[in-house]
């Protein structure tokens, strides 16, 4: 009897242990299956994102190649077209001396006199520049832009050496920047930004300790050349927000803020060699004042949001619609120096300063923005407004349209960080203030920006 009880106990114990063992095995299999499904889903998402990015890059490259094909038929047009980092092998100087680590830049030193020209156009006005540039795009490159967009573009260049062209893909953002270089007879440098970029070496290159040479990028070569020239140089940061702009472009942002242009020096190498290029001083290169950086940005799931730090320092231009094709007369290139361009800017700012009436309107608008939305604009934005409006007017535009444009992109944009529901609840009140200050149905860009934010509620 006792033996039977012991056997039953052992049998029950064995059955219990078997059940727990089976449950553990089943649970382990379930965990492994879940992990497998998660990894599979992540790989699928990464492949999908990669395909989207590659498709966008291919599209932009096709657009650029089309422009280059048209531009190839145009006289002049010297310069560089970049396609990323290009490494160099160790090279000997022509004198047969020691190895040089900056092969490209040393070759530019040998040609430095060819970058100095004296045939610049000293008669062109800002208005004629805009109108002729638009006609040139139409007649010579088969690119079509509204005259207001050309004015915004040129006026933005007057305020900052960093411009951001944003909007839907295919509206001509990259094309506009590239066309400017072609029009100025100095082809633009196109830098396709890569998703993994995080620091300045991704833009200018790096020193290779193994080969004892510097991997020089085409952008570094263009910057070096620009310091020998008086031409306007255009650098296109294509798909600039496919990586975080405030990471790889951080030092450039800081340098562009310095009022003393001679102090805008960018670290290149930590040491000094006797046979380094002439313009590399103590391992640094001067950021050329005659170079404009024009970034193109698409806002979608494959890109990063551009931070306020970048937006506040750059001039922004929205290209959301394609202009209708139009017939323009044959238009020649113009050879305009950066010095002459900035002289025209200064003259415009002296002649077409913002009116006292609009200053008073801005002060009243600022008080209303504080009361309704708890935002304001500081000295930097006010300085940009004072510099932007006169140039826009000198380009043939109207002061109120210029004010509407820059307020919508510099001030109203800050409302994007607030609750769309709150914006919707107060927009009618704010529109009434705009009517009172500027007139009924004026300030359309500001209204459109607020409507777009409120529609997200």
Protein backbone atom coordinates (compact mmCIF):
# COMPACT_ATOMS: atom_id res chain seq x y z
CA UNK A 1 0.00 0.00 0.00
CA UNK A 2 2.81 2.35 0.93
CA UNK A 3 4.67 1.38 -2.23
CA UNK A 4 1.61 2.16 -4.33
CA UNK A 5 1.30 5.60 -2.73
CA UNK A 6 4.96 6.35 -3.38
CA UNK A 7 4.61 5.32 -7.02
CA UNK A 8 1.56 7.56 -7.45
CA UNK A 9 3.38 10.46 -5.82
CA UNK A 10 6.35 10.02 -8.12
CA UNK A 11 4.05 9.75 -11.11
CA UNK A 12 2.23 12.98 -10.18
CA UNK A 13 5.54 14.75 -9.58
CA UNK A 14 6.85 13.62 -12.95
CA UNK A 15 3.70 14.79 -14.71
CA UNK A 16 3.90 18.18 -12.98
CA UNK A 17 7.55 18.62 -13.89
CA UNK A 18 6.82 17.59 -17.45
CA UNK A 19 4.04 20.20 -17.71
CA UNK A 20 6.28 22.98 -16.39
CA UNK A 21 9.09 21.92 -18.72
CA UNK A 22 6.72 21.96 -21.68
CA UNK A 23 5.48 25.44 -20.71
CA UNK A 24 9.04 26.75 -20.48
CA UNK A 25 9.90 25.26 -23.87
CA UNK A 26 6.76 26.73 -25.44
CA UNK A 27 7.49 30.14 -23.87
CA UNK A 28 11.06 30.08 -25.18
CA UNK A 29 9.87 29.21 -28.66
CA UNK A 30 7.32 32.04 -28.52
CA UNK A 31 10.00 34.56 -27.42
CA UNK A 32 12.32 33.45 -30.23
CA UNK A 33 9.47 33.74 -32.73
CA UNK A 34 8.61 37.27 -31.55
CA UNK A 35 12.27 38.36 -31.77
CA UNK A 36 12.50 36.90 -35.27
CA UNK A 37 9.38 38.79 -36.38
CA UNK A 38 10.70 42.08 -34.92
CA UNK A 39 14.06 41.71 -36.66
CA UNK A 40 12.35 40.84 -39.94
CA UNK A 41 10.09 43.90 -39.67
CA UNK A 42 13.06 46.18 -38.89
CA UNK A 43 15.02 44.85 -41.86
CA UNK A 44 12.02 45.39 -44.13
CA UNK A 45 11.64 48.98 -42.87
CA UNK A 46 15.35 49.69 -43.35
CA UNK A 47 15.24 48.28 -46.90
CA UNK A 48 12.15 50.35 -47.68
CA UNK A 49 13.71 53.55 -46.30
CA UNK A 50 16.90 52.88 -48.22
CA UNK A 51 14.97 52.41 -51.46
CA UNK A 52 13.15 55.73 -50.89
CA UNK A 53 16.41 57.55 -50.24
CA UNK A 54 18.13 55.98 -53.25
CA UNK A 55 15.17 56.83 -55.47
CA UNK A 56 15.21 60.48 -54.32
CA UNK A 57 18.96 60.77 -54.82
CA UNK A 58 18.69 59.22 -58.30
CA UNK A 59 15.90 61.68 -59.17
CA UNK A 60 17.94 64.69 -58.04
CA UNK A 61 21.03 63.45 -59.89
CA UNK A 62 18.97 63.03 -63.07
CA UNK A 63 17.76 66.62 -62.69
CA UNK A 64 21.29 67.91 -62.20
CA UNK A 65 22.59 65.93 -65.17
CA UNK A 66 19.86 67.46 -67.35
CA UNK A 67 20.88 70.97 -66.31
CA UNK A 68 24.53 70.15 -66.90
CA UNK A 69 23.71 68.96 -70.40
CA UNK A 70 21.99 72.29 -71.14
CA UNK A 71 24.75 74.26 -69.46
CA UNK A 72 27.44 72.49 -71.46
CA UNK A 73 26.25 74.31 -74.54
CA UNK A 74 26.73 77.70 -72.88
CA UNK A 75 29.97 79.62 -73.20
CA UNK A 76 32.06 80.09 -70.08
CA UNK A 77 30.89 78.18 -67.05
CA UNK A 78 34.17 77.27 -65.40
CA UNK A 79 34.17 75.64 -62.00
CA UNK A 80 33.71 72.35 -60.19
CA UNK A 81 30.91 69.82 -59.88
CA UNK A 82 31.28 67.70 -56.76
CA UNK A 83 30.18 64.17 -56.12
CA UNK A 84 31.45 63.65 -52.61
CA UNK A 85 34.89 62.87 -51.15
CA UNK A 86 37.72 62.05 -53.50
CA UNK A 87 40.82 60.53 -51.97
CA UNK A 88 44.33 61.21 -53.23
CA UNK A 89 47.42 59.08 -53.16
CA UNK A 90 50.77 60.28 -51.97
CA UNK A 91 52.31 62.57 -54.58
CA UNK A 92 55.64 64.28 -55.15
CA UNK A 93 55.95 67.99 -55.76
CA UNK A 94 57.07 69.10 -59.22
CA UNK A 95 60.45 70.01 -57.75
CA UNK A 96 60.88 66.38 -56.67
CA UNK A 97 60.80 67.20 -52.98
CA UNK A 98 59.09 65.41 -50.14
CA UNK A 99 55.63 63.99 -50.41
CA UNK A 100 52.85 66.60 -50.24
CA UNK A 101 49.68 65.82 -48.33
CA UNK A 102 47.43 68.35 -50.14
CA UNK A 103 47.85 67.38 -53.78
CA UNK A 104 44.76 69.20 -55.14
CA UNK A 105 45.33 72.39 -53.21
CA UNK A 106 49.01 72.59 -54.17
CA UNK A 107 47.99 72.28 -57.83
CA UNK A 108 45.55 75.17 -57.32
CA UNK A 109 48.45 77.26 -55.97
CA UNK A 110 50.20 76.71 -59.30
CA UNK A 111 47.14 78.09 -61.14
CA UNK A 112 46.25 80.90 -58.72
CA UNK A 113 46.73 83.69 -61.28
CA UNK A 114 44.07 82.12 -63.55
CA UNK A 115 41.41 82.75 -60.88
CA UNK A 116 42.00 86.50 -60.93
CA UNK A 117 39.91 88.27 -63.55
CA UNK A 118 39.18 91.90 -64.34
CA UNK A 119 36.23 91.61 -66.77
CA UNK A 120 33.45 91.95 -64.19
CA UNK A 121 30.17 93.68 -65.05
CA UNK A 122 30.01 96.96 -63.15
CA UNK A 123 26.77 98.26 -64.66
CA UNK A 124 24.14 95.66 -63.75
CA UNK A 125 21.45 96.56 -61.20
CA UNK A 126 19.68 94.19 -58.84
CA UNK A 127 16.42 94.53 -60.76
CA UNK A 128 18.11 93.80 -64.09
CA UNK A 129 20.03 90.92 -62.50
CA UNK A 130 16.79 89.24 -61.36
CA UNK A 131 14.94 89.77 -64.63
CA UNK A 132 17.87 88.63 -66.78
CA UNK A 133 18.54 85.60 -64.58
CA UNK A 134 14.90 84.50 -64.93
CA UNK A 135 15.07 84.98 -68.73
CA UNK A 136 18.40 83.11 -68.85
CA UNK A 137 16.88 80.13 -67.01
CA UNK A 138 13.99 80.02 -69.46
CA UNK A 139 15.83 80.59 -72.71
CA UNK A 140 19.10 78.77 -72.08
CA UNK A 141 18.28 76.09 -69.49
CA UNK A 142 14.54 75.50 -70.03
CA UNK A 143 13.87 76.19 -66.35
CA UNK A 144 10.91 78.35 -65.37
CA UNK A 145 10.52 80.42 -62.19
CA UNK A 146 8.16 83.11 -60.99
CA UNK A 147 9.83 86.52 -60.77
CA UNK A 148 8.82 86.74 -57.09
CA UNK A 149 10.79 83.57 -56.36
CA UNK A 150 13.86 85.01 -58.09
CA UNK A 151 13.56 88.19 -56.00
CA UNK A 152 13.27 86.17 -52.78
CA UNK A 153 16.29 84.13 -53.77
CA UNK A 154 18.53 87.11 -54.51
CA UNK A 155 17.33 89.06 -51.46
CA UNK A 156 18.03 86.00 -49.30
CA UNK A 157 21.62 85.94 -50.59
CA UNK A 158 21.97 89.54 -49.44
CA UNK A 159 21.16 88.59 -45.84
CA UNK A 160 23.00 85.31 -45.31
CA UNK A 161 25.59 83.06 -46.95
CA UNK A 162 23.35 80.11 -46.06
CA UNK A 163 20.02 79.64 -47.85
CA UNK A 164 17.58 76.77 -47.45
CA UNK A 165 15.29 75.96 -50.39
CA UNK A 166 12.50 73.69 -49.19
CA UNK A 167 9.37 72.24 -50.69
CA UNK A 168 8.07 69.28 -52.61
CA UNK A 169 10.41 67.22 -54.76
CA UNK A 170 10.54 68.30 -58.39
CA UNK A 171 9.81 72.01 -57.95
CA UNK A 172 13.30 73.06 -59.07
CA UNK A 173 15.17 73.68 -55.82
CA UNK A 174 18.50 72.17 -56.89
CA UNK A 175 18.02 73.45 -60.42
CA UNK A 176 17.62 77.06 -59.27
CA UNK A 177 20.87 77.02 -57.29
CA UNK A 178 22.76 75.29 -60.07
CA UNK A 179 21.38 77.70 -62.66
CA UNK A 180 22.74 80.64 -60.67
CA UNK A 181 26.29 79.30 -60.95
CA UNK A 182 25.85 78.77 -64.68
CA UNK A 183 24.46 82.29 -65.12
CA UNK A 184 27.46 83.73 -63.25
CA UNK A 185 29.92 81.73 -65.41
CA UNK A 186 31.14 79.82 -62.37
CA UNK A 187 29.51 76.39 -62.14
CA UNK A 188 28.10 75.38 -58.77
CA UNK A 189 29.64 72.74 -56.54
CA UNK A 190 27.03 70.04 -55.86
CA UNK A 191 27.59 68.16 -52.59
CA UNK A 192 25.18 65.20 -52.17
CA UNK A 193 24.73 64.94 -48.39
CA UNK A 194 24.91 61.37 -47.04
CA UNK A 195 22.69 59.94 -44.26
CA UNK A 196 25.62 59.00 -42.02
CA UNK A 197 27.31 62.43 -41.94
CA UNK A 198 28.00 63.77 -38.45
CA UNK A 199 30.97 66.16 -38.54
CA UNK A 200 32.87 68.69 -40.66
CA UNK A 201 35.33 66.07 -41.97
CA UNK A 202 32.45 64.68 -44.00
CA UNK A 203 32.42 67.99 -45.87
CA UNK A 204 36.09 68.97 -46.15
CA UNK A 205 37.90 65.64 -45.80
CA UNK A 206 40.40 64.22 -43.29
CA UNK A 207 44.07 63.45 -42.80
CA UNK A 208 44.99 59.79 -43.30
CA UNK A 209 47.66 58.83 -40.77
CA UNK A 210 48.49 55.65 -42.68
CA UNK A 211 49.15 57.20 -46.11
CA UNK A 212 50.26 60.58 -44.68
CA UNK A 213 47.99 62.36 -47.16
CA UNK A 214 44.83 64.41 -46.80
CA UNK A 215 41.67 63.07 -48.43
CA UNK A 216 40.61 66.33 -50.06
CA UNK A 217 36.96 66.81 -50.98
CA UNK A 218 35.88 68.85 -53.96
CA UNK A 219 34.25 71.32 -51.55
CA UNK A 220 37.60 71.94 -49.85
CA UNK A 221 39.16 72.59 -53.26
CA UNK A 222 36.34 74.99 -54.18
CA UNK A 223 36.76 76.90 -50.89
CA UNK A 224 40.48 77.13 -51.51
CA UNK A 225 39.95 78.38 -55.07
CA UNK A 226 37.34 80.92 -53.91
CA UNK A 227 39.94 82.55 -51.65
CA UNK A 228 41.98 83.35 -54.76
CA UNK A 229 39.00 84.75 -56.70
CA UNK A 230 36.48 87.58 -56.60
CA UNK A 231 33.77 85.48 -58.28
CA UNK A 232 30.55 84.40 -56.58
CA UNK A 233 30.85 80.70 -55.65
CA UNK A 234 27.74 78.55 -55.14
CA UNK A 235 27.82 75.34 -53.10
CA UNK A 236 24.69 73.17 -53.15
CA UNK A 237 24.11 70.93 -50.12
CA UNK A 238 21.77 68.54 -51.89
CA UNK A 239 19.20 66.87 -49.58
CA UNK A 240 20.85 68.67 -46.67
CA UNK A 241 18.45 67.30 -44.03
CA UNK A 242 18.97 63.65 -44.94
CA UNK A 243 21.50 63.94 -42.07
CA UNK A 244 21.41 66.31 -39.09
CA UNK A 245 22.53 69.71 -40.38
CA UNK A 246 23.48 70.96 -36.90
CA UNK A 247 26.01 68.10 -36.66
CA UNK A 248 28.03 68.14 -39.89
CA UNK A 249 27.57 71.88 -40.56
CA UNK A 250 27.99 73.09 -36.94
CA UNK A 251 31.37 74.82 -37.37
CA UNK A 252 30.24 76.52 -40.57
CA UNK A 253 27.17 77.91 -38.77
CA UNK A 254 29.33 79.38 -36.02
CA UNK A 255 31.86 80.90 -38.41
CA UNK A 256 29.21 82.53 -40.59
CA UNK A 257 27.99 84.40 -37.49
CA UNK A 258 31.35 86.09 -36.85
CA UNK A 259 31.37 89.78 -37.85
CA UNK A 260 35.15 89.81 -38.39
CA UNK A 261 35.45 87.97 -41.69
CA UNK A 262 39.19 87.40 -41.29
CA UNK A 263 38.49 85.33 -38.15
CA UNK A 264 36.31 82.86 -40.05
CA UNK A 265 38.97 80.13 -40.12
CA UNK A 266 38.13 76.43 -40.32
CA UNK A 267 40.40 73.77 -38.79
CA UNK A 268 41.71 71.39 -41.45
CA UNK A 269 44.75 69.67 -39.89
CA UNK A 270 46.37 69.78 -36.45
CA UNK A 271 49.98 70.06 -37.66
CA UNK A 272 51.96 72.19 -40.11
CA UNK A 273 54.24 70.98 -42.91
CA UNK A 274 56.69 73.18 -44.79
CA UNK A 275 55.20 72.24 -48.17
CA UNK A 276 51.57 72.78 -47.18
CA UNK A 277 49.48 74.91 -49.58
CA UNK A 278 49.97 78.67 -49.38
CA UNK A 279 46.51 79.40 -47.95
CA UNK A 280 46.59 76.71 -45.23
CA UNK A 281 47.89 78.75 -42.31
CA UNK A 282 48.56 76.93 -39.02
CA UNK A 283 46.39 74.09 -40.24
CA UNK A 284 43.42 76.38 -40.94
CA UNK A 285 41.65 77.68 -44.05
CA UNK A 286 39.67 80.90 -44.28
CA UNK A 287 35.96 80.35 -44.98
CA UNK A 288 35.57 82.43 -48.16
CA UNK A 289 33.14 85.35 -47.94
CA UNK A 290 32.35 84.99 -51.64
CA UNK A 291 30.87 81.49 -51.22
CA UNK A 292 27.15 80.89 -50.67
CA UNK A 293 25.88 77.59 -49.28
CA UNK A 294 22.45 76.68 -50.66
CA UNK A 295 20.79 73.68 -49.07
CA UNK A 296 17.82 71.85 -50.55
CA UNK A 297 15.41 70.19 -48.13
CA UNK A 298 12.45 67.83 -48.48
CA UNK A 299 10.31 67.32 -45.41
CA UNK A 300 9.22 63.69 -45.29
CA UNK A 301 9.75 60.46 -43.35
CA UNK A 302 13.24 59.89 -44.75
CA UNK A 303 14.65 63.23 -43.51
CA UNK A 304 15.39 64.97 -40.21
CA UNK A 305 13.63 68.11 -38.98
CA UNK A 306 15.84 71.19 -39.34
CA UNK A 307 16.51 72.75 -35.94
CA UNK A 308 15.75 76.33 -34.91
CA UNK A 309 19.51 76.96 -34.64
CA UNK A 310 19.84 76.39 -38.38
CA UNK A 311 16.59 78.10 -39.39
CA UNK A 312 17.41 81.25 -37.39
CA UNK A 313 20.79 81.68 -39.08
CA UNK A 314 19.72 80.82 -42.62
CA UNK A 315 17.39 82.50 -45.06
CA UNK A 316 14.49 80.25 -46.05
CA UNK A 317 12.68 80.00 -49.34
CA UNK A 318 9.68 77.79 -50.08
CA UNK A 319 9.32 76.33 -53.56
CA UNK A 320 6.02 74.48 -53.54
CA UNK A 321 4.73 75.09 -57.07
CA UNK A 322 6.14 74.87 -60.56
CA UNK A 323 5.98 78.03 -62.64
CA UNK A 324 4.29 77.96 -66.04
CA UNK A 325 6.66 77.78 -69.03
CA UNK A 326 7.17 81.06 -70.87
CA UNK A 327 9.14 82.36 -73.82
CA UNK A 328 12.10 84.61 -73.04
CA UNK A 329 14.60 86.32 -75.34
CA UNK A 330 18.18 85.15 -75.65
CA UNK A 331 20.07 86.31 -72.54
CA UNK A 332 23.82 86.37 -72.00
CA UNK A 333 25.69 85.30 -68.90
CA UNK A 334 26.73 87.98 -66.44
CA UNK A 335 30.11 88.06 -64.76
CA UNK A 336 29.36 89.65 -61.38
CA UNK A 337 31.91 89.79 -58.58
CA UNK A 338 30.89 89.12 -54.98
CA UNK A 339 32.26 92.54 -54.07
CA UNK A 340 30.03 94.24 -56.65
CA UNK A 341 27.01 92.25 -55.50
CA UNK A 342 27.51 93.27 -51.86
CA UNK A 343 28.01 96.89 -52.97
CA UNK A 344 24.61 96.76 -54.73
CA UNK A 345 23.14 95.29 -51.53
CA UNK A 346 24.56 98.09 -49.40
CA UNK A 347 23.27 100.75 -51.81
CA UNK A 348 19.80 99.17 -51.74
CA UNK A 349 19.75 99.10 -47.95
CA UNK A 350 20.66 102.76 -47.85
CA UNK A 351 18.10 103.79 -50.47
CA UNK A 352 15.14 101.54 -49.62
CA UNK A 353 15.26 101.26 -45.84
CA UNK A 354 12.12 99.89 -44.17
CA UNK A 355 9.57 102.69 -43.64
CA UNK A 356 8.66 104.08 -40.23
CA UNK A 357 5.08 102.99 -40.81
CA UNK A 358 6.09 99.35 -41.15
CA UNK A 359 8.39 99.62 -38.13
CA UNK A 360 5.37 100.71 -36.08
CA UNK A 361 3.33 97.84 -37.55
CA UNK A 362 6.02 95.36 -36.56
CA UNK A 363 6.08 96.65 -33.00
CA UNK A 364 2.31 96.29 -32.72
CA UNK A 365 2.43 92.83 -34.29
CA UNK A 366 5.13 91.75 -31.85
CA UNK A 367 2.93 92.73 -28.89
CA UNK A 368 0.01 90.77 -30.35
CA UNK A 369 2.17 87.69 -30.93
CA UNK A 370 3.28 87.81 -27.31
CA UNK A 371 -0.29 88.20 -26.06
CA UNK A 372 -1.87 85.56 -28.30
CA UNK A 373 0.85 82.96 -28.84
CA UNK A 374 3.64 83.80 -26.36
CA UNK A 375 6.29 84.18 -29.06
CA UNK A 376 8.46 87.12 -30.09
CA UNK A 377 11.34 87.84 -32.45
CA UNK A 378 14.74 89.03 -31.27
CA UNK A 379 17.51 91.22 -32.60
CA UNK A 380 18.80 88.67 -35.12
CA UNK A 381 15.46 88.39 -36.92
CA UNK A 382 14.88 92.14 -36.76
CA UNK A 383 18.31 92.67 -38.34
CA UNK A 384 17.44 90.19 -41.09
CA UNK A 385 14.14 91.99 -41.76
CA UNK A 386 15.94 95.33 -42.11
CA UNK A 387 18.47 93.82 -44.53
CA UNK A 388 16.04 91.71 -46.57
CA UNK A 389 13.27 94.19 -47.38
CA UNK A 390 15.39 96.91 -49.08
CA UNK A 391 17.07 94.38 -51.38
CA UNK A 392 13.74 92.79 -52.29
CA UNK A 393 12.42 96.26 -53.20
CA UNK A 394 15.57 97.04 -55.22
CA UNK A 395 14.97 93.78 -57.11
CA UNK A 396 11.61 95.20 -58.25
CA UNK A 397 9.31 93.92 -55.47
CA UNK A 398 6.98 95.63 -52.99
CA UNK A 399 7.90 96.36 -49.39
CA UNK A 400 4.75 94.86 -47.89
CA UNK A 401 5.18 91.61 -49.84
CA UNK A 402 8.76 91.38 -48.62
CA UNK A 403 7.63 91.92 -45.03
CA UNK A 404 4.90 89.31 -45.40
CA UNK A 405 7.38 86.80 -46.85
CA UNK A 406 10.07 87.10 -44.19
CA UNK A 407 7.60 87.22 -41.29
CA UNK A 408 5.91 84.03 -42.48
CA UNK A 409 9.21 82.14 -42.62
CA UNK A 410 11.03 83.66 -39.67
CA UNK A 411 8.31 84.44 -37.11
CA UNK A 412 5.08 82.59 -37.91
CA UNK A 413 7.13 79.42 -38.40
CA UNK A 414 7.78 79.40 -34.63
CA UNK A 415 4.10 78.58 -34.09
CA UNK A 416 4.78 75.07 -35.41
CA UNK A 417 5.99 74.11 -31.92
CA UNK A 418 2.64 75.00 -30.34
CA UNK A 419 -0.62 73.07 -30.17
CA UNK A 420 -2.48 73.19 -33.51
CA UNK A 421 -5.76 73.21 -31.57
CA UNK A 422 -4.68 76.34 -29.70
CA UNK A 423 -3.62 78.01 -32.97
CA UNK A 424 -6.99 77.20 -34.54
CA UNK A 425 -8.84 78.68 -31.57
CA UNK A 426 -6.97 82.01 -31.82
CA UNK A 427 -6.34 82.38 -35.55
CA UNK A 428 -9.46 84.47 -36.30
CA UNK A 429 -8.49 86.92 -33.58
CA UNK A 430 -4.99 87.15 -35.04
CA UNK A 431 -6.31 87.57 -38.59
CA UNK A 432 -8.39 90.52 -37.36
CA UNK A 433 -5.20 92.13 -36.03
CA UNK A 434 -3.46 91.58 -39.40
CA UNK A 435 -6.43 93.26 -41.16
CA UNK A 436 -6.25 96.20 -38.81
CA UNK A 437 -2.49 96.68 -39.11
CA UNK A 438 -1.84 95.89 -42.77
CA UNK A 439 -5.20 95.99 -44.55
CA UNK A 440 -7.85 93.44 -45.47
CA UNK A 441 -6.54 90.37 -47.30
CA UNK A 442 -2.92 91.52 -47.07
CA UNK A 443 -0.14 89.40 -45.49
CA UNK A 444 -1.27 86.31 -47.41
CA UNK A 445 1.88 84.32 -46.73
CA UNK A 446 1.44 84.77 -42.97
CA UNK A 447 -2.22 83.77 -43.20
CA UNK A 448 -1.39 80.70 -45.26
CA UNK A 449 1.30 79.62 -42.78
CA UNK A 450 -1.12 79.91 -39.85
CA UNK A 451 -3.87 78.07 -41.73
CA UNK A 452 -1.47 75.23 -42.50
CA UNK A 453 -0.52 74.89 -38.82
CA UNK A 454 -4.15 75.05 -37.69
CA UNK A 455 -5.19 72.40 -40.24
CA UNK A 456 -2.99 69.90 -38.41
CA UNK A 457 -5.37 70.02 -35.42
